[in-house]
């Protein structure tokens, strides 16, 4: 192996190995909490209608994909990943927009994650309907509550899902 190839290989290895160093301990702890949700969940919304979701670890445990199916709604997909001091979320909505949100935990003992809107793909105007906020509350190892905020114009509508691990 040439000296140049060896140096390039070493630089590539060091840059990959350093990636976790960019993440804060709080964001890593929060992401591990999301990884622990892997599997199928079932529950009800605030109106007693059935809701189902599943969480799946992906890309060597660097992303978590959630697929949420609420009664009377098309399936929605959200991808979670660590982004330095935060956990980033991209939500793929049946309305064909892709809100981006971010939660920045302030502790390793994560009881809930509050994702704040950062922008969206395919959203012509901020007043168009889109998911604007998400809170995931970790009740215990087998129970979570998701509170989604749908924003249209200047009106917010909450959708609350109480979910139990199957």
Foldseek 3Di string as FASTA:
>chain_A
DDPVVVVVVVVVVVVVVCVVVLADLQAVLVLVLLVLQAAKKWFAKPVRWIKIKGWDQDDVNQKIKMWIDTPPADIKIKIWGTDRQWIKIWIQGPVGKTWIWIFGDPDSPDQKTKTATDDMGPDPDPQQWDFGIWMWGPPDSFWIKIWIWIHHHHDTDIIITIIGGD
